[in-house]
């Protein structure tokens, strides 16, 4: 009997709460348009302020703070002006890329890798100029280093150049 009374009281409280939520949402939507119209009519004395743009010219930087070098570029003012601002055109000296030195790679043949159960290291079987070698990952040997190992290939670095060698 006590549980039945508590359940009825709780149901009444829930109904009252939901009733107030529904009443506020319906009441706000019906009277919202009238208040907006009153506010719009009272704000007829709106003043528009125009902001004029300020123009300025930036000086050229002669020293690059990041690369610690002098910049080698001249500027010329173009006759055309874009929206009242002078446009500049940079005359840069043509940069000729430095040719890469020809690095002769040794003759490489990848035969696979060996996993050690006792120790936690993997050895790569690699034939370097007709000599079979076992190399550890990231350990250099005669300027040659195996960087990554995949199932069917390896990534090899020789004198800061990278190649991928496929399994034979």
Protein backbone atom coordinates (compact mmCIF):
# COMPACT_ATOMS: atom_id res chain seq x y z
CA UNK A 1 0.00 0.00 0.00
CA UNK A 2 2.85 2.41 0.83
CA UNK A 3 4.62 1.62 -2.44
CA UNK A 4 1.45 2.33 -4.37
CA UNK A 5 1.12 5.82 -2.79
CA UNK A 6 4.81 6.61 -3.45
CA UNK A 7 4.42 5.56 -7.09
CA UNK A 8 1.35 7.79 -7.51
CA UNK A 9 3.15 10.77 -5.94
CA UNK A 10 6.19 10.25 -8.16
CA UNK A 11 4.02 9.99 -11.30
CA UNK A 12 2.26 13.25 -10.33
CA UNK A 13 5.62 15.02 -9.82
CA UNK A 14 6.86 13.83 -13.24
CA UNK A 15 3.62 15.00 -14.89
CA UNK A 16 3.91 18.43 -13.25
CA UNK A 17 7.53 18.81 -14.39
CA UNK A 18 6.75 17.81 -17.98
CA UNK A 19 3.70 20.07 -17.95
CA UNK A 20 5.80 23.11 -16.99
CA UNK A 21 8.38 22.29 -19.69
CA UNK A 22 5.69 22.00 -22.37
CA UNK A 23 3.90 25.15 -21.16
CA UNK A 24 7.12 27.23 -21.30
CA UNK A 25 8.02 25.99 -24.78
CA UNK A 26 4.51 26.67 -26.16
CA UNK A 27 4.15 30.01 -24.36
CA UNK A 28 7.53 31.22 -25.68
CA UNK A 29 6.77 30.32 -29.28
CA UNK A 30 3.37 32.09 -29.43
CA UNK A 31 4.47 35.41 -27.96
CA UNK A 32 7.93 35.54 -29.56
CA UNK A 33 6.84 37.33 -32.77
CA UNK A 34 5.15 40.24 -30.98
CA UNK A 35 8.21 41.05 -28.88
CA UNK A 36 10.47 40.98 -31.93
CA UNK A 37 8.23 43.44 -33.77
CA UNK A 38 8.27 45.82 -30.83
CA UNK A 39 12.07 45.69 -30.65
CA UNK A 40 12.48 46.29 -34.38
CA UNK A 41 10.24 49.36 -34.31
CA UNK A 42 12.13 50.91 -31.41
CA UNK A 43 15.55 50.64 -33.13
CA UNK A 44 14.89 52.92 -36.12
CA UNK A 45 17.60 55.39 -35.12
CA UNK A 46 20.50 53.16 -36.20
CA UNK A 47 23.70 55.04 -37.09
CA UNK A 48 26.12 53.50 -39.63
CA UNK A 49 29.81 54.23 -39.07
CA UNK A 50 32.13 53.65 -42.02
CA UNK A 51 35.66 52.50 -41.28
CA UNK A 52 38.30 53.85 -43.65
CA UNK A 53 41.20 51.54 -44.43
CA UNK A 54 44.68 52.64 -43.49
CA UNK A 55 47.39 52.02 -46.08
CA UNK A 56 51.03 51.45 -45.32
CA UNK A 57 54.11 49.99 -46.98
CA UNK A 58 56.32 47.32 -45.46
CA UNK A 59 60.08 47.58 -45.60
CA UNK A 60 62.04 44.76 -47.19
CA UNK A 61 63.85 42.38 -44.91
CA UNK A 62 67.53 42.13 -45.76
CA UNK A 63 68.38 39.28 -43.39
CA UNK A 64 66.53 35.98 -42.96
CA UNK A 65 66.41 35.25 -39.21
CA UNK A 66 65.55 31.56 -39.70
CA UNK A 67 68.17 30.58 -42.24
CA UNK A 68 70.71 33.15 -41.03
CA UNK A 69 71.40 34.30 -44.60
CA UNK A 70 71.25 37.53 -46.57
CA UNK A 71 68.34 37.73 -49.00
CA UNK A 72 69.19 38.29 -52.68
CA UNK A 73 66.02 39.83 -54.11
CA UNK A 74 65.24 43.24 -55.54
CA UNK A 75 61.81 44.81 -55.80
CA UNK A 76 60.22 46.87 -58.52
CA UNK A 77 56.94 48.76 -58.38
CA UNK A 78 54.47 47.70 -61.04
CA UNK A 79 52.59 50.44 -62.91
CA UNK A 80 49.26 48.82 -62.17
CA UNK A 81 47.77 49.38 -58.78
CA UNK A 82 45.40 46.98 -57.13
CA UNK A 83 42.63 48.82 -55.26
CA UNK A 84 44.86 51.76 -54.49
CA UNK A 85 47.66 49.65 -53.04
CA UNK A 86 50.98 49.51 -54.88
CA UNK A 87 51.87 45.99 -55.97
CA UNK A 88 55.44 44.77 -55.91
CA UNK A 89 57.06 42.24 -58.17
CA UNK A 90 60.12 40.37 -56.99
CA UNK A 91 63.01 39.82 -59.34
CA UNK A 92 64.73 36.80 -57.95
CA UNK A 93 67.91 35.46 -59.32
CA UNK A 94 67.28 32.12 -60.93
CA UNK A 95 68.27 29.42 -58.50
CA UNK A 96 70.14 26.59 -60.11
CA UNK A 97 69.74 23.35 -58.17
CA UNK A 98 72.97 21.72 -57.19
CA UNK A 99 73.52 18.47 -59.02
CA UNK A 100 73.56 15.46 -56.76
CA UNK A 101 76.88 13.66 -56.73
CA UNK A 102 76.70 10.30 -58.42
CA UNK A 103 76.77 7.73 -55.68
CA UNK A 104 77.60 4.26 -56.88
CA UNK A 105 75.54 1.82 -54.89
CA UNK A 106 77.00 -1.59 -54.24
CA UNK A 107 75.27 -4.56 -55.84
CA UNK A 108 72.60 -5.54 -53.27
CA UNK A 109 70.47 -8.69 -53.15
CA UNK A 110 67.96 -9.30 -50.34
CA UNK A 111 67.44 -12.94 -49.31
CA UNK A 112 65.18 -12.55 -46.28
CA UNK A 113 65.48 -12.17 -42.52
CA UNK A 114 66.13 -14.35 -39.49
CA UNK A 115 64.21 -14.00 -36.23
CA UNK A 116 65.84 -15.20 -33.02
CA UNK A 117 63.51 -16.75 -30.45
CA UNK A 118 65.97 -16.52 -27.55
CA UNK A 119 67.07 -12.97 -28.26
CA UNK A 120 64.83 -10.17 -29.41
CA UNK A 121 66.76 -9.24 -32.55
CA UNK A 122 66.22 -9.72 -36.26
CA UNK A 123 68.98 -10.20 -38.78
CA UNK A 124 68.62 -9.37 -42.46
CA UNK A 125 70.39 -11.58 -45.01
CA UNK A 126 71.85 -9.26 -47.63
CA UNK A 127 74.37 -9.97 -50.37
CA UNK A 128 76.65 -6.94 -50.81
CA UNK A 129 78.91 -7.15 -53.87
CA UNK A 130 78.89 -10.98 -53.94
CA UNK A 131 79.51 -11.21 -50.15
CA UNK A 132 76.69 -12.57 -47.95
CA UNK A 133 76.20 -10.48 -44.79
CA UNK A 134 73.88 -10.59 -41.81
CA UNK A 135 72.89 -7.06 -40.76
CA UNK A 136 70.94 -5.84 -37.76
CA UNK A 137 68.33 -3.14 -38.22
CA UNK A 138 69.68 0.44 -37.82
CA UNK A 139 73.31 -0.70 -37.49
CA UNK A 140 75.64 0.70 -40.17
CA UNK A 141 78.10 -1.44 -42.09
CA UNK A 142 80.46 0.22 -44.62
CA UNK A 143 78.11 3.21 -44.96
CA UNK A 144 75.13 0.92 -45.58
CA UNK A 145 72.28 0.69 -43.07
CA UNK A 146 69.02 -1.27 -43.14
CA UNK A 147 66.39 1.16 -41.88
CA UNK A 148 63.12 -0.83 -42.12
CA UNK A 149 62.20 -4.44 -42.80
CA UNK A 150 59.05 -5.60 -44.57
CA UNK A 151 57.86 -9.08 -45.58
CA UNK A 152 58.90 -8.70 -49.21
CA UNK A 153 61.46 -5.86 -49.12
CA UNK A 154 63.81 -3.73 -47.03
CA UNK A 155 64.60 -0.03 -46.93
CA UNK A 156 68.34 0.61 -47.21
CA UNK A 157 70.21 3.90 -46.66
CA UNK A 158 73.59 4.46 -48.31
CA UNK A 159 75.32 7.87 -48.02
CA UNK A 160 72.01 9.63 -47.14
CA UNK A 161 70.16 8.12 -50.12
CA UNK A 162 67.34 5.66 -49.66
CA UNK A 163 66.43 2.63 -51.75
CA UNK A 164 64.00 -0.22 -51.39
CA UNK A 165 65.40 -3.66 -52.22
CA UNK A 166 62.91 -6.45 -53.10
CA UNK A 167 63.19 -10.06 -51.98
CA UNK A 168 64.86 -12.41 -54.51
